Amino acid sequence: MTHSENTCQFRGEVCRNHREERNGHRAVTLWFTGLSGAGKSTIAHAVEKRLFDMGLNVYTFDGDNVRHGLCGDLGFSPEDRSENIRRIGEMTKLFMDAGVICLCAFITPRHAIQERLRAMHAPGDFHLVFVDCPVEICEERDVKGLYKLAREGKIKNYTGVSAPYEAPEAPELRLDTASETEEQCTERVLAFLRERLDPASAR
């Protein structure tokens, strides 16, 4: 990706540390990865609600919602999928600079992309959450019928059917949604976040 010419980054008098101090919590990114139907968005939105009710600044980036706006010009080729994730990674960095906790729910099927996202963020800012669920159970939950269409060949390059999913090799957190309830997963994410949101914690 080329950088825009004749531009430079400008920093004002208010920085991320100031915003975090006023918010009373650090900004971090939790990236939920897993197959379609695994429960990524469901858990991310449940965590968002709990954090919001606690008075924290938090926002959920959901794959479908982003595709309607910021990435509405992209298709589903490997190149477009990579660009889709790159844009969201850059967006989360901006939101974190604003002091916001970012919860991102995207399939993110490739190791290379998962690690590229990690490399885009400063140490301690990015945490990969693997929402693990067998494809058979994901298909049972598929209210949109997309797996069925993929099995029939009507949707090409569908992750888990006609395109591979590479499970993260070293996620910070793994949620087994085949055996754990939504509430249990939500509580585990909140417990994981608790100390990492302390403004006094080391970056």
N, C-alpha and C. Protein backbone atom coordinates (compact mmCIF):
# COMPACT_ATOMS: atom_id res chain seq x y z
N MET A 1 0.86 -1.20 0.00
CA MET A 1 0.00 0.00 0.00
C MET A 1 0.89 1.24 0.00
N THR A 2 0.73 2.12 -0.95
CA THR A 2 1.54 3.33 -1.01
C THR A 2 0.96 4.39 -0.09
N HIS A 3 1.84 5.25 0.39
CA HIS A 3 1.41 6.34 1.25
C HIS A 3 1.12 7.59 0.41
N SER A 4 0.21 8.41 0.90
CA SER A 4 -0.12 9.64 0.19
C SER A 4 1.07 10.57 0.18
N GLU A 5 1.31 11.19 -0.96
CA GLU A 5 2.43 12.12 -1.07
C GLU A 5 2.06 13.47 -0.48
N ASN A 6 3.07 14.20 -0.09
CA ASN A 6 2.91 15.57 0.41
C ASN A 6 2.00 15.64 1.64
N THR A 7 2.06 14.61 2.47
CA THR A 7 1.30 14.64 3.73
C THR A 7 2.24 14.29 4.87
N CYS A 8 1.89 14.76 6.04
CA CYS A 8 2.66 14.42 7.24
C CYS A 8 1.71 14.32 8.41
N GLN A 9 2.07 13.52 9.40
CA GLN A 9 1.23 13.37 10.57
C GLN A 9 1.38 14.58 11.48
N PHE A 10 0.25 15.03 12.01
CA PHE A 10 0.26 16.19 12.92
C PHE A 10 -0.33 15.78 14.25
N ARG A 11 0.33 16.18 15.32
CA ARG A 11 -0.15 15.88 16.66
C ARG A 11 -0.52 17.17 17.37
N GLY A 12 -1.73 17.22 17.90
CA GLY A 12 -2.16 18.39 18.65
C GLY A 12 -1.70 18.32 20.09
N GLU A 13 -2.25 19.18 20.92
CA GLU A 13 -1.83 19.24 22.32
C GLU A 13 -2.50 18.17 23.18
N VAL A 14 -3.57 17.57 22.66
CA VAL A 14 -4.26 16.51 23.39
C VAL A 14 -3.84 15.18 22.80
N CYS A 15 -3.29 14.29 23.63
CA CYS A 15 -2.82 13.00 23.14
C CYS A 15 -3.63 11.87 23.76
N ARG A 16 -3.33 10.68 23.34
CA ARG A 16 -4.06 9.50 23.82
C ARG A 16 -3.98 9.37 25.35
N ASN A 17 -2.81 9.62 25.91
CA ASN A 17 -2.67 9.50 27.37
C ASN A 17 -3.64 10.43 28.09
N HIS A 18 -3.80 11.64 27.58
CA HIS A 18 -4.74 12.59 28.21
C HIS A 18 -6.16 12.05 28.16
N ARG A 19 -6.53 11.50 27.01
CA ARG A 19 -7.89 10.98 26.86
C ARG A 19 -8.12 9.77 27.78
N GLU A 20 -7.12 8.91 27.87
CA GLU A 20 -7.25 7.74 28.73
C GLU A 20 -7.36 8.15 30.20
N GLU A 21 -6.59 9.16 30.59
CA GLU A 21 -6.66 9.63 31.97
C GLU A 21 -8.04 10.19 32.29
N ARG A 22 -8.62 10.94 31.35
CA ARG A 22 -9.95 11.49 31.59
C ARG A 22 -11.01 10.39 31.57
N ASN A 23 -10.83 9.40 30.66
CA ASN A 23 -11.79 8.30 30.59
C ASN A 23 -11.73 7.40 31.81
N GLY A 24 -10.54 7.31 32.40
CA GLY A 24 -10.36 6.39 33.52
C GLY A 24 -10.07 4.97 33.10
N HIS A 25 -9.74 4.78 31.82
CA HIS A 25 -9.38 3.45 31.34
C HIS A 25 -8.51 3.57 30.10
N ARG A 26 -7.73 2.53 29.86
CA ARG A 26 -6.91 2.47 28.65
C ARG A 26 -7.76 2.15 27.43
N ALA A 27 -7.21 2.45 26.28
CA ALA A 27 -7.80 2.03 25.01
C ALA A 27 -7.07 0.78 24.54
N VAL A 28 -7.82 -0.23 24.13
CA VAL A 28 -7.23 -1.45 23.59
C VAL A 28 -8.10 -1.93 22.43
N THR A 29 -7.54 -2.84 21.64
CA THR A 29 -8.30 -3.49 20.58
C THR A 29 -8.39 -4.98 20.86
N LEU A 30 -9.62 -5.49 20.91
CA LEU A 30 -9.87 -6.93 20.96
C LEU A 30 -10.39 -7.34 19.60
N TRP A 31 -9.67 -8.26 18.95
CA TRP A 31 -10.04 -8.68 17.60
C TRP A 31 -10.58 -10.11 17.68
N PHE A 32 -11.90 -10.26 17.47
CA PHE A 32 -12.56 -11.55 17.52
C PHE A 32 -12.50 -12.20 16.15
N THR A 33 -11.83 -13.34 16.04
CA THR A 33 -11.71 -14.05 14.78
C THR A 33 -12.34 -15.43 14.90
N GLY A 34 -12.92 -15.93 13.82
CA GLY A 34 -13.55 -17.24 13.83
C GLY A 34 -14.47 -17.37 12.63
N LEU A 35 -14.99 -18.56 12.44
CA LEU A 35 -15.89 -18.82 11.31
C LEU A 35 -17.17 -18.01 11.42
N SER A 36 -17.82 -17.82 10.30
CA SER A 36 -19.15 -17.21 10.30
C SER A 36 -20.09 -18.11 11.11
N GLY A 37 -20.81 -17.52 12.06
CA GLY A 37 -21.71 -18.30 12.90
C GLY A 37 -21.08 -18.77 14.19
N ALA A 38 -19.80 -18.50 14.38
CA ALA A 38 -19.13 -18.95 15.61
C ALA A 38 -19.59 -18.16 16.83
N GLY A 39 -20.05 -16.92 16.62
CA GLY A 39 -20.51 -16.10 17.74
C GLY A 39 -19.69 -14.85 17.98
N LYS A 40 -18.86 -14.47 17.03
CA LYS A 40 -17.98 -13.31 17.20
C LYS A 40 -18.76 -12.04 17.50
N SER A 41 -19.70 -11.69 16.63
CA SER A 41 -20.45 -10.45 16.78
C SER A 41 -21.34 -10.48 18.02
N THR A 42 -21.94 -11.62 18.28
CA THR A 42 -22.82 -11.76 19.45
C THR A 42 -22.05 -11.47 20.73
N ILE A 43 -20.87 -12.05 20.86
CA ILE A 43 -20.07 -11.85 22.07
C ILE A 43 -19.52 -10.43 22.12
N ALA A 44 -19.05 -9.92 20.98
CA ALA A 44 -18.51 -8.56 20.97
C ALA A 44 -19.55 -7.54 21.40
N HIS A 45 -20.77 -7.68 20.90
CA HIS A 45 -21.82 -6.73 21.26
C HIS A 45 -22.25 -6.89 22.72
N ALA A 46 -22.22 -8.12 23.23
CA ALA A 46 -22.54 -8.34 24.64
C ALA A 46 -21.49 -7.70 25.54
N VAL A 47 -20.23 -7.84 25.16
CA VAL A 47 -19.14 -7.20 25.91
C VAL A 47 -19.27 -5.68 25.83
N GLU A 48 -19.57 -5.18 24.64
CA GLU A 48 -19.75 -3.74 24.45
C GLU A 48 -20.82 -3.19 25.40
N LYS A 49 -21.95 -3.89 25.49
CA LYS A 49 -23.04 -3.42 26.35
C LYS A 49 -22.62 -3.39 27.81
N ARG A 50 -21.91 -4.41 28.24
CA ARG A 50 -21.46 -4.45 29.63
C ARG A 50 -20.48 -3.32 29.92
N LEU A 51 -19.54 -3.10 29.02
CA LEU A 51 -18.56 -2.03 29.22
C LEU A 51 -19.23 -0.66 29.17
N PHE A 52 -20.15 -0.49 28.24
CA PHE A 52 -20.87 0.78 28.12
C PHE A 52 -21.65 1.07 29.40
N ASP A 53 -22.32 0.05 29.94
CA ASP A 53 -23.09 0.23 31.18
C ASP A 53 -22.18 0.57 32.36
N MET A 54 -20.90 0.22 32.25
CA MET A 54 -19.93 0.56 33.30
C MET A 54 -19.38 1.98 33.12
N GLY A 55 -19.81 2.65 32.04
CA GLY A 55 -19.37 4.02 31.80
C GLY A 55 -18.10 4.13 30.99
N LEU A 56 -17.70 3.06 30.31
CA LEU A 56 -16.48 3.07 29.52
C LEU A 56 -16.78 3.45 28.07
N ASN A 57 -15.79 4.04 27.40
CA ASN A 57 -15.92 4.41 25.99
C ASN A 57 -15.54 3.20 25.13
N VAL A 58 -16.51 2.65 24.41
CA VAL A 58 -16.29 1.41 23.69
C VAL A 58 -17.09 1.43 22.39
N TYR A 59 -16.56 0.74 21.37
CA TYR A 59 -17.25 0.68 20.08
C TYR A 59 -16.97 -0.67 19.43
N THR A 60 -18.01 -1.27 18.82
CA THR A 60 -17.87 -2.53 18.12
C THR A 60 -17.86 -2.33 16.62
N PHE A 61 -16.84 -2.85 15.97
CA PHE A 61 -16.76 -2.89 14.52
C PHE A 61 -17.22 -4.26 14.08
N ASP A 62 -18.31 -4.31 13.32
CA ASP A 62 -18.88 -5.57 12.86
C ASP A 62 -18.70 -5.70 11.35
N GLY A 63 -18.36 -6.90 10.90
CA GLY A 63 -18.05 -7.12 9.49
C GLY A 63 -19.12 -6.65 8.53
N ASP A 64 -20.38 -7.02 8.79
CA ASP A 64 -21.46 -6.64 7.89
C ASP A 64 -21.65 -5.13 7.84
N ASN A 65 -21.59 -4.48 9.01
CA ASN A 65 -21.80 -3.03 9.07
C ASN A 65 -20.71 -2.28 8.32
N VAL A 66 -19.49 -2.72 8.47
CA VAL A 66 -18.37 -2.06 7.78
C VAL A 66 -18.49 -2.21 6.28
N ARG A 67 -18.98 -3.36 5.84
CA ARG A 67 -19.12 -3.61 4.41
C ARG A 67 -20.18 -2.70 3.78
N HIS A 68 -21.08 -2.16 4.57
CA HIS A 68 -22.11 -1.27 4.03
C HIS A 68 -21.58 0.16 3.83
N GLY A 69 -20.48 0.49 4.47
CA GLY A 69 -20.00 1.86 4.40
C GLY A 69 -18.55 1.97 4.00
N LEU A 70 -17.67 1.93 4.99
CA LEU A 70 -16.24 2.15 4.77
C LEU A 70 -15.66 1.25 3.68
N CYS A 71 -16.12 0.00 3.64
CA CYS A 71 -15.56 -0.95 2.67
C CYS A 71 -16.59 -1.41 1.66
N GLY A 72 -17.58 -0.55 1.38
CA GLY A 72 -18.63 -0.90 0.43
C GLY A 72 -18.14 -1.07 -0.99
N ASP A 73 -16.93 -0.59 -1.27
CA ASP A 73 -16.39 -0.70 -2.63
C ASP A 73 -15.61 -1.98 -2.84
N LEU A 74 -15.50 -2.81 -1.82
CA LEU A 74 -14.67 -4.01 -1.91
C LEU A 74 -15.50 -5.26 -2.12
N GLY A 75 -14.92 -6.22 -2.83
CA GLY A 75 -15.55 -7.51 -3.02
C GLY A 75 -15.01 -8.52 -2.01
N PHE A 76 -14.98 -9.81 -2.41
CA PHE A 76 -14.56 -10.84 -1.49
C PHE A 76 -13.40 -11.68 -2.04
N SER A 77 -12.66 -11.10 -2.97
CA SER A 77 -11.45 -11.76 -3.43
C SER A 77 -10.42 -11.71 -2.30
N PRO A 78 -9.40 -12.56 -2.32
CA PRO A 78 -8.37 -12.50 -1.28
C PRO A 78 -7.76 -11.11 -1.13
N GLU A 79 -7.57 -10.42 -2.26
CA GLU A 79 -6.98 -9.08 -2.21
C GLU A 79 -7.93 -8.08 -1.54
N ASP A 80 -9.21 -8.16 -1.89
CA ASP A 80 -10.18 -7.24 -1.30
C ASP A 80 -10.40 -7.55 0.18
N ARG A 81 -10.38 -8.81 0.53
CA ARG A 81 -10.52 -9.17 1.95
C ARG A 81 -9.35 -8.62 2.77
N SER A 82 -8.16 -8.72 2.20
CA SER A 82 -6.98 -8.20 2.88
C SER A 82 -7.08 -6.69 3.06
N GLU A 83 -7.54 -5.99 2.02
CA GLU A 83 -7.70 -4.53 2.10
C GLU A 83 -8.80 -4.16 3.11
N ASN A 84 -9.86 -4.93 3.15
CA ASN A 84 -10.94 -4.71 4.11
C ASN A 84 -10.39 -4.71 5.53
N ILE A 85 -9.59 -5.73 5.85
CA ILE A 85 -9.03 -5.84 7.19
C ILE A 85 -8.00 -4.75 7.45
N ARG A 86 -7.21 -4.40 6.44
CA ARG A 86 -6.22 -3.33 6.62
C ARG A 86 -6.90 -2.03 7.00
N ARG A 87 -8.00 -1.71 6.31
CA ARG A 87 -8.72 -0.46 6.62
C ARG A 87 -9.24 -0.46 8.05
N ILE A 88 -9.78 -1.60 8.48
CA ILE A 88 -10.30 -1.66 9.84
C ILE A 88 -9.18 -1.54 10.85
N GLY A 89 -8.04 -2.16 10.57
CA GLY A 89 -6.90 -2.03 11.46
C GLY A 89 -6.46 -0.59 11.62
N GLU A 90 -6.42 0.15 10.51
CA GLU A 90 -6.05 1.56 10.59
C GLU A 90 -7.12 2.36 11.34
N MET A 91 -8.39 2.00 11.14
CA MET A 91 -9.47 2.69 11.83
C MET A 91 -9.40 2.48 13.34
N THR A 92 -9.10 1.25 13.75
CA THR A 92 -9.01 0.99 15.20
C THR A 92 -7.88 1.79 15.83
N LYS A 93 -6.80 1.98 15.10
CA LYS A 93 -5.70 2.78 15.64
C LYS A 93 -6.15 4.22 15.90
N LEU A 94 -6.97 4.76 14.99
CA LEU A 94 -7.50 6.11 15.19
C LEU A 94 -8.45 6.17 16.39
N PHE A 95 -9.31 5.16 16.50
CA PHE A 95 -10.23 5.11 17.62
C PHE A 95 -9.48 4.97 18.95
N MET A 96 -8.41 4.18 18.94
CA MET A 96 -7.62 4.03 20.16
C MET A 96 -6.94 5.34 20.53
N ASP A 97 -6.49 6.08 19.54
CA ASP A 97 -5.90 7.38 19.81
C ASP A 97 -6.92 8.31 20.46
N ALA A 98 -8.21 8.08 20.14
CA ALA A 98 -9.29 8.85 20.76
C ALA A 98 -9.68 8.29 22.13
N GLY A 99 -9.01 7.22 22.57
CA GLY A 99 -9.25 6.67 23.89
C GLY A 99 -10.36 5.65 23.96
N VAL A 100 -10.72 5.07 22.83
CA VAL A 100 -11.87 4.15 22.75
C VAL A 100 -11.41 2.70 22.78
N ILE A 101 -12.14 1.85 23.50
CA ILE A 101 -11.94 0.41 23.48
C ILE A 101 -12.59 -0.12 22.20
N CYS A 102 -11.83 -0.81 21.37
CA CYS A 102 -12.32 -1.30 20.08
C CYS A 102 -12.55 -2.80 20.13
N LEU A 103 -13.76 -3.22 19.79
CA LEU A 103 -14.11 -4.63 19.70
C LEU A 103 -14.40 -4.93 18.23
N CYS A 104 -13.59 -5.79 17.63
CA CYS A 104 -13.69 -6.03 16.19
C CYS A 104 -14.08 -7.48 15.93
N ALA A 105 -15.16 -7.68 15.18
CA ALA A 105 -15.66 -9.02 14.89
C ALA A 105 -15.55 -9.28 13.39
N PHE A 106 -14.48 -9.98 13.00
CA PHE A 106 -14.22 -10.27 11.59
C PHE A 106 -13.66 -11.68 11.46
N ILE A 107 -14.02 -12.37 10.41
CA ILE A 107 -13.54 -13.74 10.23
C ILE A 107 -12.02 -13.81 10.26
N THR A 108 -11.35 -12.94 9.50
CA THR A 108 -9.88 -12.84 9.49
C THR A 108 -9.25 -14.23 9.36
N PRO A 109 -9.40 -14.88 8.21
CA PRO A 109 -9.09 -16.31 8.11
C PRO A 109 -7.63 -16.70 7.96
N ARG A 110 -6.75 -15.75 7.70
CA ARG A 110 -5.36 -16.11 7.40
C ARG A 110 -4.39 -15.69 8.50
N HIS A 111 -3.43 -16.57 8.79
CA HIS A 111 -2.40 -16.24 9.77
C HIS A 111 -1.69 -14.95 9.41
N ALA A 112 -1.37 -14.79 8.14
CA ALA A 112 -0.60 -13.62 7.71
C ALA A 112 -1.34 -12.33 8.04
N ILE A 113 -2.64 -12.32 7.82
CA ILE A 113 -3.42 -11.11 8.11
C ILE A 113 -3.54 -10.90 9.62
N GLN A 114 -3.75 -11.98 10.36
CA GLN A 114 -3.82 -11.87 11.82
C GLN A 114 -2.55 -11.25 12.38
N GLU A 115 -1.40 -11.71 11.89
CA GLU A 115 -0.13 -11.20 12.40
C GLU A 115 0.17 -9.80 11.87
N ARG A 116 -0.32 -9.49 10.67
CA ARG A 116 -0.15 -8.13 10.15
C ARG A 116 -0.90 -7.13 11.02
N LEU A 117 -2.09 -7.50 11.45
CA LEU A 117 -2.86 -6.64 12.36
C LEU A 117 -2.10 -6.42 13.66
N ARG A 118 -1.54 -7.49 14.20
CA ARG A 118 -0.79 -7.36 15.45
C ARG A 118 0.40 -6.41 15.27
N ALA A 119 1.07 -6.54 14.12
CA ALA A 119 2.24 -5.72 13.85
C ALA A 119 1.88 -4.24 13.66
N MET A 120 0.63 -3.97 13.26
CA MET A 120 0.18 -2.59 13.06
C MET A 120 0.00 -1.85 14.38
N HIS A 121 -0.16 -2.59 15.47
CA HIS A 121 -0.44 -1.99 16.76
C HIS A 121 0.77 -2.05 17.69
N ALA A 122 0.83 -1.15 18.62
CA ALA A 122 1.91 -1.14 19.60
C ALA A 122 1.74 -2.32 20.55
N PRO A 123 2.82 -2.81 21.15
CA PRO A 123 2.72 -3.92 22.11
C PRO A 123 1.71 -3.61 23.22
N GLY A 124 0.85 -4.56 23.50
CA GLY A 124 -0.15 -4.38 24.54
C GLY A 124 -1.44 -3.75 24.08
N ASP A 125 -1.48 -3.28 22.83
CA ASP A 125 -2.68 -2.60 22.31
C ASP A 125 -3.64 -3.57 21.61
N PHE A 126 -3.11 -4.68 21.12
CA PHE A 126 -3.89 -5.58 20.27
C PHE A 126 -3.96 -6.97 20.90
N HIS A 127 -5.18 -7.52 21.00
CA HIS A 127 -5.36 -8.85 21.58
C HIS A 127 -6.28 -9.66 20.67
N LEU A 128 -5.80 -10.81 20.26
CA LEU A 128 -6.55 -11.68 19.36
C LEU A 128 -7.40 -12.66 20.17
N VAL A 129 -8.69 -12.68 19.89
CA VAL A 129 -9.62 -13.58 20.58
C VAL A 129 -10.15 -14.58 19.55
N PHE A 130 -9.80 -15.85 19.74
CA PHE A 130 -10.24 -16.90 18.82
C PHE A 130 -11.59 -17.44 19.30
N VAL A 131 -12.63 -17.19 18.51
CA VAL A 131 -13.96 -17.70 18.82
C VAL A 131 -14.08 -19.03 18.08
N ASP A 132 -13.84 -20.10 18.81
CA ASP A 132 -13.67 -21.44 18.23
C ASP A 132 -15.00 -22.19 18.23
N CYS A 133 -15.37 -22.70 17.07
CA CYS A 133 -16.61 -23.47 16.94
C CYS A 133 -16.52 -24.32 15.67
N PRO A 134 -16.85 -25.61 15.75
CA PRO A 134 -16.81 -26.47 14.55
C PRO A 134 -17.74 -25.95 13.47
N VAL A 135 -17.32 -26.14 12.23
CA VAL A 135 -18.11 -25.63 11.11
C VAL A 135 -19.51 -26.25 11.09
N GLU A 136 -19.65 -27.50 11.55
CA GLU A 136 -20.96 -28.15 11.55
C GLU A 136 -21.95 -27.40 12.44
N ILE A 137 -21.48 -26.93 13.59
CA ILE A 137 -22.35 -26.18 14.50
C ILE A 137 -22.62 -24.79 13.94
N CYS A 138 -21.61 -24.19 13.32
CA CYS A 138 -21.81 -22.88 12.69
C CYS A 138 -22.90 -22.96 11.62
N GLU A 139 -22.90 -24.04 10.88
CA GLU A 139 -23.91 -24.23 9.84
C GLU A 139 -25.30 -24.37 10.44
N GLU A 140 -25.41 -25.04 11.57
CA GLU A 140 -26.70 -25.20 12.23
C GLU A 140 -27.26 -23.86 12.70
N ARG A 141 -26.37 -22.93 13.03
CA ARG A 141 -26.78 -21.62 13.53
C ARG A 141 -27.03 -20.62 12.40
N ASP A 142 -26.77 -21.00 11.18
CA ASP A 142 -26.73 -20.07 10.05
C ASP A 142 -28.13 -19.59 9.66
N VAL A 143 -28.57 -18.51 10.30
CA VAL A 143 -29.92 -17.99 10.03
C VAL A 143 -30.03 -17.37 8.64
N LYS A 144 -28.91 -16.93 8.07
CA LYS A 144 -28.94 -16.30 6.74
C LYS A 144 -28.92 -17.33 5.61
N GLY A 145 -28.60 -18.56 5.94
CA GLY A 145 -28.55 -19.59 4.91
C GLY A 145 -27.35 -19.49 3.99
N LEU A 146 -26.29 -18.80 4.43
CA LEU A 146 -25.14 -18.59 3.57
C LEU A 146 -24.31 -19.86 3.38
N TYR A 147 -24.21 -20.68 4.42
CA TYR A 147 -23.48 -21.93 4.28
C TYR A 147 -24.15 -22.83 3.24
N LYS A 148 -25.48 -22.88 3.27
CA LYS A 148 -26.22 -23.69 2.31
C LYS A 148 -25.94 -23.22 0.88
N LEU A 149 -25.95 -21.90 0.70
CA LEU A 149 -25.66 -21.36 -0.63
C LEU A 149 -24.23 -21.68 -1.05
N ALA A 150 -23.31 -21.63 -0.08
CA ALA A 150 -21.92 -21.95 -0.39
C ALA A 150 -21.77 -23.42 -0.76
N ARG A 151 -22.48 -24.29 -0.04
CA ARG A 151 -22.43 -25.73 -0.35
C ARG A 151 -22.98 -26.00 -1.74
N GLU A 152 -23.94 -25.20 -2.15
CA GLU A 152 -24.55 -25.37 -3.48
C GLU A 152 -23.74 -24.69 -4.57
N GLY A 153 -22.64 -24.04 -4.19
CA GLY A 153 -21.79 -23.38 -5.17
C GLY A 153 -22.28 -22.02 -5.60
N LYS A 154 -23.28 -21.49 -4.90
CA LYS A 154 -23.85 -20.20 -5.28
C LYS A 154 -23.09 -19.03 -4.67
N ILE A 155 -22.27 -19.31 -3.66
CA ILE A 155 -21.37 -18.31 -3.09
C ILE A 155 -19.95 -18.87 -3.19
N LYS A 156 -19.08 -18.13 -3.83
CA LYS A 156 -17.71 -18.57 -4.02
C LYS A 156 -16.82 -18.07 -2.87
N ASN A 157 -15.73 -18.78 -2.65
CA ASN A 157 -14.72 -18.38 -1.66
C ASN A 157 -15.32 -18.14 -0.27
N TYR A 158 -16.19 -19.06 0.15
CA TYR A 158 -16.83 -18.91 1.45
C TYR A 158 -15.99 -19.65 2.50
N THR A 159 -15.54 -18.91 3.49
CA THR A 159 -14.64 -19.46 4.50
C THR A 159 -15.30 -20.61 5.25
N GLY A 160 -14.56 -21.70 5.34
CA GLY A 160 -15.05 -22.89 6.01
C GLY A 160 -15.67 -23.89 5.07
N VAL A 161 -15.98 -23.44 3.83
CA VAL A 161 -16.57 -24.33 2.83
C VAL A 161 -15.66 -24.42 1.61
N SER A 162 -15.53 -23.32 0.89
CA SER A 162 -14.71 -23.31 -0.33
C SER A 162 -13.45 -22.45 -0.17
N ALA A 163 -13.23 -21.92 1.00
CA ALA A 163 -12.02 -21.15 1.31
C ALA A 163 -11.57 -21.56 2.71
N PRO A 164 -10.27 -21.62 2.94
CA PRO A 164 -9.77 -22.13 4.23
C PRO A 164 -9.87 -21.11 5.36
N TYR A 165 -9.93 -21.64 6.58
CA TYR A 165 -9.80 -20.80 7.78
C TYR A 165 -8.61 -21.33 8.57
N GLU A 166 -7.67 -20.45 8.86
CA GLU A 166 -6.49 -20.82 9.62
C GLU A 166 -6.65 -20.32 11.06
N ALA A 167 -6.86 -21.26 11.98
CA ALA A 167 -7.05 -20.89 13.38
C ALA A 167 -5.79 -20.22 13.91
N PRO A 168 -5.94 -19.17 14.73
CA PRO A 168 -4.77 -18.48 15.27
C PRO A 168 -3.84 -19.44 16.01
N GLU A 169 -2.55 -19.25 15.86
CA GLU A 169 -1.58 -20.12 16.51
C GLU A 169 -1.35 -19.74 17.97
N ALA A 170 -1.49 -18.46 18.28
CA ALA A 170 -1.23 -18.03 19.66
C ALA A 170 -2.17 -16.88 20.04
N PRO A 171 -3.47 -17.15 20.08
CA PRO A 171 -4.40 -16.08 20.49
C PRO A 171 -4.24 -15.77 21.97
N GLU A 172 -4.52 -14.53 22.34
CA GLU A 172 -4.48 -14.18 23.77
C GLU A 172 -5.62 -14.83 24.54
N LEU A 173 -6.71 -15.11 23.83
CA LEU A 173 -7.87 -15.70 24.48
C LEU A 173 -8.59 -16.61 23.49
N ARG A 174 -9.02 -17.79 23.96
CA ARG A 174 -9.79 -18.71 23.13
C ARG A 174 -11.14 -18.97 23.79
N LEU A 175 -12.20 -18.78 23.04
CA LEU A 175 -13.55 -19.03 23.52
C LEU A 175 -14.13 -20.21 22.75
N ASP A 176 -14.63 -21.21 23.46
CA ASP A 176 -15.21 -22.39 22.84
C ASP A 176 -16.72 -22.25 22.87
N THR A 177 -17.29 -21.70 21.80
CA THR A 177 -18.73 -21.42 21.82
C THR A 177 -19.58 -22.66 21.55
N ALA A 178 -18.94 -23.80 21.30
CA ALA A 178 -19.69 -25.05 21.18
C ALA A 178 -20.05 -25.58 22.56
N SER A 179 -19.25 -25.21 23.58
CA SER A 179 -19.49 -25.73 24.93
C SER A 179 -19.74 -24.63 25.96
N GLU A 180 -19.39 -23.39 25.63
CA GLU A 180 -19.58 -22.28 26.56
C GLU A 180 -20.76 -21.42 26.12
N THR A 181 -21.51 -20.91 27.07
CA THR A 181 -22.65 -20.05 26.76
C THR A 181 -22.17 -18.65 26.42
N GLU A 182 -23.06 -17.86 25.85
CA GLU A 182 -22.73 -16.45 25.56
C GLU A 182 -22.33 -15.72 26.84
N GLU A 183 -23.06 -15.95 27.92
CA GLU A 183 -22.76 -15.29 29.19
C GLU A 183 -21.39 -15.70 29.71
N GLN A 184 -21.06 -16.98 29.62
CA GLN A 184 -19.75 -17.45 30.08
C GLN A 184 -18.62 -16.81 29.26
N CYS A 185 -18.81 -16.76 27.95
CA CYS A 185 -17.80 -16.14 27.08
C CYS A 185 -17.65 -14.66 27.38
N THR A 186 -18.77 -13.99 27.59
CA THR A 186 -18.73 -12.56 27.91
C THR A 186 -17.97 -12.31 29.20
N GLU A 187 -18.23 -13.12 30.20
CA GLU A 187 -17.55 -12.97 31.49
C GLU A 187 -16.05 -13.22 31.35
N ARG A 188 -15.68 -14.18 30.53
CA ARG A 188 -14.26 -14.46 30.33
C ARG A 188 -13.55 -13.30 29.64
N VAL A 189 -14.23 -12.69 28.67
CA VAL A 189 -13.63 -11.53 27.99
C VAL A 189 -13.48 -10.36 28.97
N LEU A 190 -14.50 -10.12 29.76
CA LEU A 190 -14.44 -9.02 30.73
C LEU A 190 -13.33 -9.26 31.75
N ALA A 191 -13.17 -10.51 32.19
CA ALA A 191 -12.09 -10.82 33.13
C ALA A 191 -10.73 -10.60 32.48
N PHE A 192 -10.61 -10.97 31.22
CA PHE A 192 -9.36 -10.76 30.48
C PHE A 192 -9.03 -9.28 30.38
N LEU A 193 -10.07 -8.46 30.18
CA LEU A 193 -9.86 -7.02 29.98
C LEU A 193 -9.57 -6.27 31.27
N ARG A 194 -10.01 -6.80 32.38
CA ARG A 194 -10.04 -6.02 33.62
C ARG A 194 -8.72 -5.30 33.92
N GLU A 195 -7.63 -6.03 34.01
CA GLU A 195 -6.36 -5.40 34.35
C GLU A 195 -5.75 -4.66 33.18
N ARG A 196 -6.12 -5.05 31.96
CA ARG A 196 -5.54 -4.42 30.79
C ARG A 196 -6.13 -3.04 30.50
N LEU A 197 -7.24 -2.72 31.15
CA LEU A 197 -7.86 -1.41 30.97
C LEU A 197 -7.41 -0.39 32.01
N ASP A 198 -6.61 -0.82 32.95
CA ASP A 198 -6.12 0.09 34.00
C ASP A 198 -5.14 1.08 33.38
N PRO A 199 -5.42 2.39 33.48
CA PRO A 199 -4.50 3.38 32.89
C PRO A 199 -3.09 3.29 33.42
N ALA A 200 -2.94 2.71 34.62
CA ALA A 200 -1.62 2.62 35.23
C ALA A 200 -0.82 1.42 34.70
N SER A 201 -1.48 0.53 33.92
CA SER A 201 -0.79 -0.65 33.42
C SER A 201 0.23 -0.25 32.37
N ALA A 202 1.29 -1.02 32.30
CA ALA A 202 2.36 -0.71 31.34
C ALA A 202 1.89 -0.98 29.92
N ARG A 203 2.35 -0.16 29.01
CA ARG A 203 2.02 -0.34 27.60
C ARG A 203 2.91 -1.43 27.01
